[in-house]
Every structure is written in structure tokens, then in C-alpha cells.
Amino acid sequence: MARIVITRPNGETEYAELTTDKSLVGSHYLTVERDGTPYYAKLGDSVSTHLCVEGSDGKKRYVQKFVWKYTFNDTWENASKMVIPHTGKYRLTFTCIAYGANYIEADSKIFSKDDIFNQGSRFYIENDAHKYWTLKAKSGKKYLNMDSSDNGQFPDPSYFLVFQTHLTSIEYIGEA
């Protein structure tokens, strides 16, 4: 994998991962072109390396050492293959769908939760009868791949009959 080598004034060397997959770096990234191929470095708010970029909004964002995102398929067949690669802060993105009369989709919202996970954390089946995949954070909090609550996303939940919340992706966002 390609990387940026950062040499600090004191001689210390840092490395930051580059990727050719733009979808892994989110909306804030640094583009580096090499031999006609664009590579992307993820930018974040936390100091992961000492290389920073000032955006048009005046905010400093730091080049992150590590880029990782895992997207789940609709059948959840790939959940058992997902392993948290580094201890750190991760963003879990969920889609909550609300169903009205006759179970017709009435509304949907996307929301995120940030939490810290240990290296090697992986999904496990907590309840064989329902086959819910569970991921446990460092704090002990458990996240399910699917839930039947609105998770506070809808102001008047009594208007809807059923909620389904699905985990759609998990991505590394910085050091803990």
C-alpha cells in the first residue's frame, strides 16, 4: 500500500496510509498524484500525524495514519469476516426506516454513533433464535446490526407502526 512519509524537524518519521479508493476517506481528504494515479489521504480533526491542511473554512485537519472502512451487505453474510484492525475511535453509520400503515415505508433517516473499539473486536451472534450480530465497544456498550427501535431519530414515533434500524458501515476515524 502507498503511504506518505513525514519527517518532522526533530528527525522523527511518521507514516500515513494512502488509498486509491476515494470512498474510504470521506469528505475531507488530501489528493496526491503519483505516476498519473490519484491517491487519497484521510483528513480528520484528531492529531494522528503532524501534517495538517487548513481548509477553506479555516479549520485545520490532520492527515490520518490509517484508513479503514467496512460496508455491510444487505444479507449480512460478510459480518463474520469484519475484524476491527486497530484500537481506536470508529464511526458506526445506521439507517433507520419507519413503516406506516400496511408496512409501507414512510420515512428513513441516516445517523451515526462514535465509539472506541479494541483491536480484534468482531461481531458475534448473541441470540441464536433471532440471529442478531452484536459488536461490543471498549466501554461494554453493545451495538446490534439490526434493531426494532427508532433510536430517537423520529420526533413522533407513535405515528409509525414499525422501525428497523440497520448498521450499514463502520469506519476508523482516529486514535482513542
N, C-alpha and C. Protein backbone atom coordinates (compact mmCIF):
# COMPACT_ATOMS: atom_id res chain seq x y z
N MET A 1 0.84 -1.18 0.00
CA MET A 1 0.00 0.00 0.00
C MET A 1 0.89 1.24 0.00
N ALA A 2 0.46 2.27 -0.71
CA ALA A 2 1.19 3.52 -0.78
C ALA A 2 1.05 4.28 0.54
N ARG A 3 2.02 5.14 0.82
CA ARG A 3 1.95 5.93 2.04
C ARG A 3 2.72 7.23 1.88
N ILE A 4 2.45 8.18 2.77
CA ILE A 4 3.17 9.44 2.85
C ILE A 4 4.20 9.28 3.96
N VAL A 5 5.41 9.71 3.71
CA VAL A 5 6.45 9.71 4.73
C VAL A 5 6.60 11.15 5.20
N ILE A 6 6.43 11.37 6.50
CA ILE A 6 6.50 12.71 7.08
C ILE A 6 7.71 12.74 8.00
N THR A 7 8.66 13.63 7.72
CA THR A 7 9.83 13.79 8.58
C THR A 7 9.69 15.10 9.33
N ARG A 8 9.61 15.02 10.64
CA ARG A 8 9.45 16.20 11.48
C ARG A 8 10.79 16.89 11.68
N PRO A 9 10.78 18.17 12.09
CA PRO A 9 12.03 18.91 12.30
C PRO A 9 13.00 18.24 13.28
N ASN A 10 12.48 17.46 14.24
CA ASN A 10 13.35 16.78 15.20
C ASN A 10 13.89 15.46 14.67
N GLY A 11 13.58 15.14 13.38
CA GLY A 11 14.08 13.91 12.76
C GLY A 11 13.15 12.72 12.88
N GLU A 12 12.10 12.84 13.70
CA GLU A 12 11.14 11.75 13.85
C GLU A 12 10.39 11.53 12.53
N THR A 13 10.16 10.27 12.19
CA THR A 13 9.46 9.94 10.95
C THR A 13 8.09 9.37 11.27
N GLU A 14 7.08 9.85 10.54
CA GLU A 14 5.71 9.35 10.67
C GLU A 14 5.26 8.86 9.30
N TYR A 15 4.32 7.94 9.30
CA TYR A 15 3.79 7.40 8.04
C TYR A 15 2.27 7.53 8.05
N ALA A 16 1.72 7.83 6.89
CA ALA A 16 0.27 7.90 6.74
C ALA A 16 -0.12 7.10 5.51
N GLU A 17 -1.16 6.30 5.66
CA GLU A 17 -1.64 5.45 4.57
C GLU A 17 -2.31 6.27 3.48
N LEU A 18 -2.11 5.84 2.25
CA LEU A 18 -2.81 6.40 1.09
C LEU A 18 -3.64 5.29 0.47
N THR A 19 -4.73 5.67 -0.14
CA THR A 19 -5.58 4.68 -0.81
C THR A 19 -6.02 5.23 -2.16
N THR A 20 -6.28 4.34 -3.09
CA THR A 20 -6.81 4.76 -4.39
C THR A 20 -8.34 4.74 -4.36
N ASP A 21 -8.92 4.24 -3.28
CA ASP A 21 -10.38 4.16 -3.14
C ASP A 21 -10.88 5.40 -2.40
N LYS A 22 -11.38 6.36 -3.16
CA LYS A 22 -11.83 7.64 -2.60
C LYS A 22 -12.96 7.47 -1.58
N SER A 23 -13.75 6.41 -1.71
CA SER A 23 -14.88 6.20 -0.80
C SER A 23 -14.43 5.91 0.63
N LEU A 24 -13.18 5.52 0.83
CA LEU A 24 -12.68 5.19 2.17
C LEU A 24 -12.30 6.42 2.99
N VAL A 25 -12.09 7.56 2.34
CA VAL A 25 -11.55 8.72 3.05
C VAL A 25 -12.59 9.74 3.47
N GLY A 26 -13.83 9.60 3.05
CA GLY A 26 -14.87 10.53 3.46
C GLY A 26 -14.80 11.84 2.70
N SER A 27 -15.37 12.89 3.31
CA SER A 27 -15.48 14.17 2.61
C SER A 27 -14.24 15.06 2.76
N HIS A 28 -13.37 14.76 3.69
CA HIS A 28 -12.15 15.56 3.88
C HIS A 28 -10.94 14.69 3.57
N TYR A 29 -10.20 15.07 2.53
CA TYR A 29 -9.07 14.26 2.10
C TYR A 29 -8.04 15.13 1.39
N LEU A 30 -6.84 14.60 1.29
CA LEU A 30 -5.74 15.22 0.57
C LEU A 30 -5.44 14.31 -0.62
N THR A 31 -5.35 14.89 -1.82
CA THR A 31 -5.06 14.11 -3.01
C THR A 31 -3.58 14.24 -3.36
N VAL A 32 -2.94 13.12 -3.60
CA VAL A 32 -1.54 13.08 -4.02
C VAL A 32 -1.51 12.26 -5.30
N GLU A 33 -0.91 12.82 -6.35
CA GLU A 33 -0.84 12.08 -7.61
C GLU A 33 0.57 11.54 -7.82
N ARG A 34 0.63 10.28 -8.21
CA ARG A 34 1.93 9.64 -8.47
C ARG A 34 1.80 8.79 -9.73
N ASP A 35 2.65 9.06 -10.70
CA ASP A 35 2.64 8.35 -11.98
C ASP A 35 1.24 8.35 -12.61
N GLY A 36 0.54 9.47 -12.49
CA GLY A 36 -0.78 9.62 -13.09
C GLY A 36 -1.91 8.99 -12.31
N THR A 37 -1.62 8.37 -11.16
CA THR A 37 -2.65 7.73 -10.34
C THR A 37 -2.94 8.60 -9.12
N PRO A 38 -4.21 8.97 -8.89
CA PRO A 38 -4.52 9.74 -7.69
C PRO A 38 -4.61 8.84 -6.45
N TYR A 39 -3.97 9.27 -5.39
CA TYR A 39 -4.04 8.60 -4.09
C TYR A 39 -4.66 9.58 -3.11
N TYR A 40 -5.34 9.06 -2.10
CA TYR A 40 -6.06 9.90 -1.15
C TYR A 40 -5.61 9.60 0.27
N ALA A 41 -5.38 10.68 1.03
CA ALA A 41 -5.08 10.57 2.46
C ALA A 41 -6.28 11.12 3.21
N LYS A 42 -6.72 10.40 4.21
CA LYS A 42 -7.87 10.82 5.01
C LYS A 42 -7.45 11.96 5.94
N LEU A 43 -8.28 13.00 6.03
CA LEU A 43 -8.05 14.11 6.94
C LEU A 43 -9.06 14.02 8.08
N GLY A 44 -8.61 14.32 9.29
CA GLY A 44 -9.51 14.26 10.45
C GLY A 44 -9.19 15.36 11.44
N ASP A 45 -10.05 15.49 12.44
CA ASP A 45 -9.88 16.53 13.46
C ASP A 45 -8.82 16.17 14.49
N SER A 46 -8.62 14.88 14.74
CA SER A 46 -7.64 14.47 15.75
C SER A 46 -6.23 14.45 15.17
N VAL A 47 -5.25 14.73 16.02
CA VAL A 47 -3.85 14.76 15.59
C VAL A 47 -3.36 13.32 15.52
N SER A 48 -3.29 12.79 14.31
CA SER A 48 -2.79 11.44 14.10
C SER A 48 -1.35 11.54 13.59
N THR A 49 -1.11 12.49 12.69
CA THR A 49 0.25 12.84 12.25
C THR A 49 0.39 14.35 12.44
N HIS A 50 1.58 14.85 12.25
CA HIS A 50 1.81 16.28 12.41
C HIS A 50 1.71 17.03 11.09
N LEU A 51 1.16 16.40 10.07
CA LEU A 51 0.91 17.06 8.79
C LEU A 51 -0.55 17.49 8.78
N CYS A 52 -0.75 18.81 8.68
CA CYS A 52 -2.13 19.29 8.68
C CYS A 52 -2.39 20.16 7.45
N VAL A 53 -3.65 20.28 7.12
CA VAL A 53 -4.10 21.07 5.98
C VAL A 53 -5.16 22.01 6.51
N GLU A 54 -5.07 23.29 6.12
CA GLU A 54 -6.10 24.24 6.52
C GLU A 54 -7.12 24.33 5.40
N GLY A 55 -8.38 24.04 5.74
CA GLY A 55 -9.44 24.04 4.74
C GLY A 55 -9.94 25.43 4.42
N SER A 56 -10.81 25.53 3.44
CA SER A 56 -11.37 26.82 3.04
C SER A 56 -12.21 27.43 4.16
N ASP A 57 -12.64 26.61 5.11
CA ASP A 57 -13.40 27.09 6.26
C ASP A 57 -12.49 27.57 7.40
N GLY A 58 -11.16 27.50 7.18
CA GLY A 58 -10.20 27.94 8.18
C GLY A 58 -9.88 26.89 9.23
N LYS A 59 -10.48 25.73 9.15
CA LYS A 59 -10.27 24.67 10.14
C LYS A 59 -9.09 23.79 9.74
N LYS A 60 -8.25 23.46 10.73
CA LYS A 60 -7.12 22.56 10.48
C LYS A 60 -7.60 21.12 10.58
N ARG A 61 -7.18 20.33 9.61
CA ARG A 61 -7.46 18.90 9.61
C ARG A 61 -6.14 18.18 9.41
N TYR A 62 -5.96 17.09 10.14
CA TYR A 62 -4.69 16.37 10.15
C TYR A 62 -4.76 15.12 9.30
N VAL A 63 -3.66 14.83 8.61
CA VAL A 63 -3.58 13.59 7.84
C VAL A 63 -3.59 12.44 8.83
N GLN A 64 -4.48 11.48 8.60
CA GLN A 64 -4.63 10.34 9.50
C GLN A 64 -3.69 9.21 9.07
N LYS A 65 -3.14 8.51 10.06
CA LYS A 65 -2.18 7.44 9.77
C LYS A 65 -2.83 6.25 9.09
N PHE A 66 -4.08 6.04 9.39
CA PHE A 66 -4.72 4.79 9.00
C PHE A 66 -6.06 5.06 8.35
N VAL A 67 -6.36 4.36 7.27
CA VAL A 67 -7.64 4.48 6.56
C VAL A 67 -8.30 3.11 6.55
N TRP A 68 -9.55 3.04 7.05
CA TRP A 68 -10.26 1.77 7.05
C TRP A 68 -11.75 2.01 7.13
N LYS A 69 -12.51 1.35 6.28
CA LYS A 69 -13.97 1.41 6.31
C LYS A 69 -14.51 0.06 5.86
N TYR A 70 -15.54 -0.41 6.55
CA TYR A 70 -16.15 -1.69 6.21
C TYR A 70 -17.63 -1.46 5.98
N THR A 71 -18.11 -1.83 4.81
CA THR A 71 -19.52 -1.68 4.45
C THR A 71 -20.18 -3.05 4.45
N PHE A 72 -21.35 -3.11 5.06
CA PHE A 72 -22.06 -4.37 5.19
C PHE A 72 -23.03 -4.56 4.03
N ASN A 73 -23.16 -5.81 3.57
CA ASN A 73 -24.12 -6.08 2.50
C ASN A 73 -25.50 -6.30 3.12
N ASP A 74 -26.51 -6.32 2.30
CA ASP A 74 -27.89 -6.42 2.79
C ASP A 74 -28.19 -7.73 3.51
N THR A 75 -27.49 -8.79 3.18
CA THR A 75 -27.76 -10.09 3.80
C THR A 75 -26.93 -10.33 5.06
N TRP A 76 -25.98 -9.48 5.32
CA TRP A 76 -25.10 -9.59 6.48
C TRP A 76 -24.21 -10.82 6.44
N GLU A 77 -24.01 -11.38 5.27
CA GLU A 77 -23.13 -12.54 5.15
C GLU A 77 -21.68 -12.18 5.45
N ASN A 78 -21.31 -10.91 5.23
CA ASN A 78 -19.92 -10.53 5.44
C ASN A 78 -19.62 -10.05 6.86
N ALA A 79 -20.60 -10.06 7.76
CA ALA A 79 -20.38 -9.58 9.13
C ALA A 79 -19.35 -10.41 9.88
N SER A 80 -19.36 -11.71 9.66
CA SER A 80 -18.44 -12.58 10.39
C SER A 80 -16.99 -12.38 9.95
N LYS A 81 -16.78 -11.73 8.81
CA LYS A 81 -15.42 -11.50 8.30
C LYS A 81 -14.82 -10.20 8.81
N MET A 82 -15.65 -9.30 9.37
CA MET A 82 -15.18 -8.00 9.81
C MET A 82 -14.46 -8.12 11.15
N VAL A 83 -13.23 -7.60 11.19
CA VAL A 83 -12.44 -7.57 12.42
C VAL A 83 -11.88 -6.16 12.57
N ILE A 84 -12.03 -5.56 13.75
CA ILE A 84 -11.50 -4.22 13.99
C ILE A 84 -9.98 -4.31 13.93
N PRO A 85 -9.34 -3.56 12.99
CA PRO A 85 -7.90 -3.71 12.78
C PRO A 85 -7.00 -2.99 13.78
N HIS A 86 -7.47 -1.90 14.37
CA HIS A 86 -6.66 -1.13 15.33
C HIS A 86 -7.56 -0.65 16.47
N THR A 87 -7.02 -0.56 17.67
CA THR A 87 -7.76 0.07 18.76
C THR A 87 -7.88 1.55 18.43
N GLY A 88 -9.08 2.08 18.53
CA GLY A 88 -9.28 3.49 18.23
C GLY A 88 -10.74 3.86 18.17
N LYS A 89 -10.99 5.08 17.69
CA LYS A 89 -12.35 5.59 17.59
C LYS A 89 -12.91 5.25 16.21
N TYR A 90 -14.13 4.75 16.21
CA TYR A 90 -14.81 4.33 14.98
C TYR A 90 -16.19 4.99 14.90
N ARG A 91 -16.64 5.23 13.69
CA ARG A 91 -17.99 5.76 13.44
C ARG A 91 -18.85 4.65 12.84
N LEU A 92 -19.96 4.36 13.51
CA LEU A 92 -20.93 3.39 13.02
C LEU A 92 -22.06 4.16 12.37
N THR A 93 -22.39 3.85 11.13
CA THR A 93 -23.46 4.54 10.42
C THR A 93 -24.65 3.59 10.28
N PHE A 94 -25.80 4.09 10.67
CA PHE A 94 -27.04 3.31 10.67
C PHE A 94 -28.07 3.95 9.74
N THR A 95 -28.96 3.13 9.21
CA THR A 95 -30.14 3.61 8.50
C THR A 95 -31.34 3.13 9.28
N CYS A 96 -32.22 4.07 9.63
CA CYS A 96 -33.45 3.73 10.36
C CYS A 96 -34.62 3.96 9.41
N ILE A 97 -35.41 2.93 9.20
CA ILE A 97 -36.57 3.00 8.31
C ILE A 97 -37.82 2.87 9.17
N ALA A 98 -38.75 3.80 8.98
CA ALA A 98 -40.02 3.77 9.70
C ALA A 98 -41.12 3.35 8.73
N TYR A 99 -41.94 2.42 9.18
CA TYR A 99 -43.03 1.91 8.35
C TYR A 99 -44.36 2.36 8.94
N GLY A 100 -45.26 2.78 8.07
CA GLY A 100 -46.60 3.20 8.48
C GLY A 100 -47.61 2.10 8.24
N ALA A 101 -48.84 2.51 7.95
CA ALA A 101 -49.93 1.56 7.71
C ALA A 101 -49.57 0.61 6.58
N ASN A 102 -50.01 -0.64 6.72
CA ASN A 102 -49.73 -1.70 5.74
C ASN A 102 -48.23 -1.92 5.52
N TYR A 103 -47.44 -1.53 6.49
CA TYR A 103 -45.99 -1.70 6.45
C TYR A 103 -45.35 -1.09 5.20
N ILE A 104 -45.88 0.04 4.78
CA ILE A 104 -45.30 0.79 3.66
C ILE A 104 -44.28 1.75 4.25
N GLU A 105 -43.09 1.79 3.62
CA GLU A 105 -42.03 2.67 4.12
C GLU A 105 -42.52 4.11 4.11
N ALA A 106 -42.49 4.75 5.29
CA ALA A 106 -42.99 6.11 5.42
C ALA A 106 -41.86 7.14 5.52
N ASP A 107 -40.74 6.75 6.10
CA ASP A 107 -39.64 7.70 6.29
C ASP A 107 -38.37 6.92 6.58
N SER A 108 -37.24 7.53 6.31
CA SER A 108 -35.96 6.91 6.68
C SER A 108 -34.97 7.99 7.03
N LYS A 109 -34.05 7.66 7.93
CA LYS A 109 -33.02 8.60 8.36
C LYS A 109 -31.71 7.85 8.51
N ILE A 110 -30.63 8.56 8.24
CA ILE A 110 -29.29 8.01 8.42
C ILE A 110 -28.68 8.74 9.62
N PHE A 111 -28.09 8.00 10.54
CA PHE A 111 -27.44 8.62 11.69
C PHE A 111 -26.18 7.84 12.04
N SER A 112 -25.32 8.47 12.83
CA SER A 112 -24.04 7.86 13.19
C SER A 112 -23.84 7.90 14.69
N LYS A 113 -23.05 6.96 15.18
CA LYS A 113 -22.61 6.92 16.57
C LYS A 113 -21.12 6.66 16.56
N ASP A 114 -20.38 7.39 17.39
CA ASP A 114 -18.94 7.20 17.51
C ASP A 114 -18.65 6.47 18.82
N ASP A 115 -17.71 5.54 18.77
CA ASP A 115 -17.33 4.81 19.98
C ASP A 115 -15.93 4.25 19.80
N ILE A 116 -15.34 3.77 20.89
CA ILE A 116 -13.99 3.23 20.87
C ILE A 116 -14.07 1.70 20.91
N PHE A 117 -13.31 1.07 20.01
CA PHE A 117 -13.28 -0.39 19.93
C PHE A 117 -11.84 -0.87 20.03
N ASN A 118 -11.66 -2.05 20.61
CA ASN A 118 -10.33 -2.66 20.72
C ASN A 118 -9.97 -3.41 19.45
N GLN A 119 -8.68 -3.46 19.18
CA GLN A 119 -8.19 -4.27 18.06
C GLN A 119 -8.66 -5.71 18.26
N GLY A 120 -9.10 -6.32 17.18
CA GLY A 120 -9.55 -7.70 17.22
C GLY A 120 -11.03 -7.87 17.53
N SER A 121 -11.72 -6.77 17.90
CA SER A 121 -13.17 -6.87 18.15
C SER A 121 -13.85 -7.34 16.88
N ARG A 122 -14.86 -8.18 17.06
CA ARG A 122 -15.59 -8.69 15.90
C ARG A 122 -17.04 -8.95 16.29
N PHE A 123 -17.88 -9.08 15.29
CA PHE A 123 -19.28 -9.38 15.54
C PHE A 123 -19.44 -10.81 16.00
N TYR A 124 -20.39 -11.03 16.87
CA TYR A 124 -20.74 -12.37 17.30
C TYR A 124 -22.26 -12.46 17.40
N ILE A 125 -22.79 -13.66 17.33
CA ILE A 125 -24.24 -13.84 17.43
C ILE A 125 -24.59 -13.98 18.91
N GLU A 126 -25.37 -13.02 19.42
CA GLU A 126 -25.72 -13.04 20.83
C GLU A 126 -26.96 -13.89 21.10
N ASN A 127 -27.87 -13.94 20.16
CA ASN A 127 -29.12 -14.66 20.36
C ASN A 127 -29.37 -15.55 19.14
N ASP A 128 -29.13 -16.84 19.27
CA ASP A 128 -29.28 -17.76 18.14
C ASP A 128 -30.68 -17.75 17.54
N ALA A 129 -31.69 -17.51 18.37
CA ALA A 129 -33.07 -17.53 17.87
C ALA A 129 -33.33 -16.40 16.88
N HIS A 130 -32.74 -15.21 17.15
CA HIS A 130 -33.00 -14.05 16.29
C HIS A 130 -31.86 -13.73 15.34
N LYS A 131 -30.71 -14.32 15.55
CA LYS A 131 -29.53 -14.12 14.69
C LYS A 131 -29.11 -12.65 14.61
N TYR A 132 -29.16 -11.93 15.75
CA TYR A 132 -28.65 -10.56 15.77
C TYR A 132 -27.15 -10.59 15.95
N TRP A 133 -26.44 -9.90 15.08
CA TRP A 133 -25.00 -9.78 15.21
C TRP A 133 -24.73 -8.65 16.19
N THR A 134 -23.80 -8.84 17.11
CA THR A 134 -23.51 -7.87 18.15
C THR A 134 -22.03 -7.51 18.11
N LEU A 135 -21.73 -6.21 18.27
CA LEU A 135 -20.35 -5.73 18.35
C LEU A 135 -20.22 -4.98 19.66
N LYS A 136 -19.24 -5.37 20.48
CA LYS A 136 -19.07 -4.79 21.81
C LYS A 136 -17.95 -3.75 21.81
N ALA A 137 -18.26 -2.54 22.28
CA ALA A 137 -17.28 -1.46 22.37
C ALA A 137 -16.39 -1.65 23.60
N LYS A 138 -15.33 -0.88 23.66
CA LYS A 138 -14.39 -0.95 24.79
C LYS A 138 -15.11 -0.65 26.11
N SER A 139 -16.10 0.24 26.06
CA SER A 139 -16.87 0.63 27.25
C SER A 139 -17.83 -0.46 27.73
N GLY A 140 -18.05 -1.48 26.89
CA GLY A 140 -19.01 -2.53 27.21
C GLY A 140 -20.34 -2.35 26.50
N LYS A 141 -20.57 -1.18 25.90
CA LYS A 141 -21.81 -0.94 25.16
C LYS A 141 -21.87 -1.88 23.97
N LYS A 142 -23.08 -2.40 23.70
CA LYS A 142 -23.26 -3.34 22.59
C LYS A 142 -24.04 -2.68 21.46
N TYR A 143 -23.61 -2.93 20.24
CA TYR A 143 -24.29 -2.44 19.05
C TYR A 143 -24.79 -3.63 18.25
N LEU A 144 -26.06 -3.58 17.88
CA LEU A 144 -26.67 -4.65 17.08
C LEU A 144 -26.67 -4.27 15.61
N ASN A 145 -26.57 -5.26 14.75
CA ASN A 145 -26.64 -5.00 13.32
C ASN A 145 -28.05 -4.58 12.91
N MET A 146 -29.05 -5.00 13.68
CA MET A 146 -30.43 -4.66 13.37
C MET A 146 -31.18 -4.48 14.67
N ASP A 147 -32.07 -3.49 14.70
CA ASP A 147 -32.81 -3.18 15.91
C ASP A 147 -34.24 -2.82 15.50
N SER A 148 -35.17 -2.93 16.41
CA SER A 148 -36.55 -2.60 16.08
C SER A 148 -37.02 -1.35 16.83
N SER A 149 -36.09 -0.42 17.11
CA SER A 149 -36.46 0.84 17.74
C SER A 149 -36.06 1.98 16.82
N ASP A 150 -36.56 3.18 17.11
CA ASP A 150 -36.24 4.32 16.25
C ASP A 150 -34.95 5.01 16.68
N ASN A 151 -34.35 4.59 17.78
CA ASN A 151 -33.10 5.16 18.28
C ASN A 151 -33.16 6.68 18.39
N GLY A 152 -34.35 7.22 18.66
CA GLY A 152 -34.51 8.66 18.83
C GLY A 152 -34.44 9.47 17.55
N GLN A 153 -34.62 8.85 16.41
CA GLN A 153 -34.48 9.55 15.13
C GLN A 153 -35.75 10.26 14.68
N PHE A 154 -36.90 9.86 15.20
CA PHE A 154 -38.16 10.43 14.74
C PHE A 154 -38.84 11.17 15.89
N PRO A 155 -39.29 12.43 15.66
CA PRO A 155 -39.87 13.22 16.74
C PRO A 155 -41.18 12.66 17.29
N ASP A 156 -41.98 11.99 16.46
CA ASP A 156 -43.25 11.42 16.92
C ASP A 156 -43.31 9.95 16.53
N PRO A 157 -42.63 9.08 17.30
CA PRO A 157 -42.59 7.67 16.92
C PRO A 157 -43.95 6.98 16.94
N SER A 158 -44.94 7.55 17.65
CA SER A 158 -46.26 6.91 17.71
C SER A 158 -46.97 6.94 16.36
N TYR A 159 -46.50 7.78 15.45
CA TYR A 159 -47.09 7.89 14.11
C TYR A 159 -46.79 6.65 13.27
N PHE A 160 -45.72 5.94 13.59
CA PHE A 160 -45.27 4.79 12.79
C PHE A 160 -45.60 3.47 13.50
N LEU A 161 -45.75 2.42 12.71
CA LEU A 161 -46.05 1.10 13.27
C LEU A 161 -44.80 0.32 13.65
N VAL A 162 -43.81 0.35 12.77
CA VAL A 162 -42.62 -0.50 12.94
C VAL A 162 -41.38 0.30 12.56
N PHE A 163 -40.28 0.02 13.26
CA PHE A 163 -38.98 0.61 12.93
C PHE A 163 -37.99 -0.51 12.67
N GLN A 164 -37.10 -0.29 11.73
CA GLN A 164 -35.98 -1.19 11.52
C GLN A 164 -34.73 -0.34 11.38
N THR A 165 -33.78 -0.57 12.26
CA THR A 165 -32.51 0.15 12.21
C THR A 165 -31.44 -0.85 11.80
N HIS A 166 -30.70 -0.52 10.75
CA HIS A 166 -29.66 -1.41 10.21
C HIS A 166 -28.32 -0.70 10.24
N LEU A 167 -27.28 -1.40 10.67
CA LEU A 167 -25.92 -0.89 10.59
C LEU A 167 -25.45 -1.05 9.15
N THR A 168 -25.01 0.06 8.53
CA THR A 168 -24.60 -0.01 7.12
C THR A 168 -23.09 0.02 6.94
N SER A 169 -22.37 0.69 7.87
CA SER A 169 -20.91 0.72 7.73
C SER A 169 -20.26 1.08 9.06
N ILE A 170 -18.98 0.77 9.16
CA ILE A 170 -18.16 1.16 10.30
C ILE A 170 -16.82 1.61 9.75
N GLU A 171 -16.34 2.77 10.24
CA GLU A 171 -15.08 3.30 9.73
C GLU A 171 -14.21 3.85 10.84
N TYR A 172 -12.91 3.72 10.67
CA TYR A 172 -11.93 4.24 11.61
C TYR A 172 -11.88 5.75 11.45
N ILE A 173 -12.00 6.51 12.57
CA ILE A 173 -11.95 7.96 12.46
C ILE A 173 -10.82 8.59 13.27
N GLY A 174 -10.06 7.80 14.01
CA GLY A 174 -8.93 8.37 14.73
C GLY A 174 -8.51 7.57 15.95
N GLU A 175 -7.45 8.04 16.55
CA GLU A 175 -6.93 7.38 17.74
C GLU A 175 -7.83 7.68 18.93
N ALA A 176 -7.89 6.76 19.86
CA ALA A 176 -8.78 6.91 21.03
C ALA A 176 -8.19 7.89 22.03
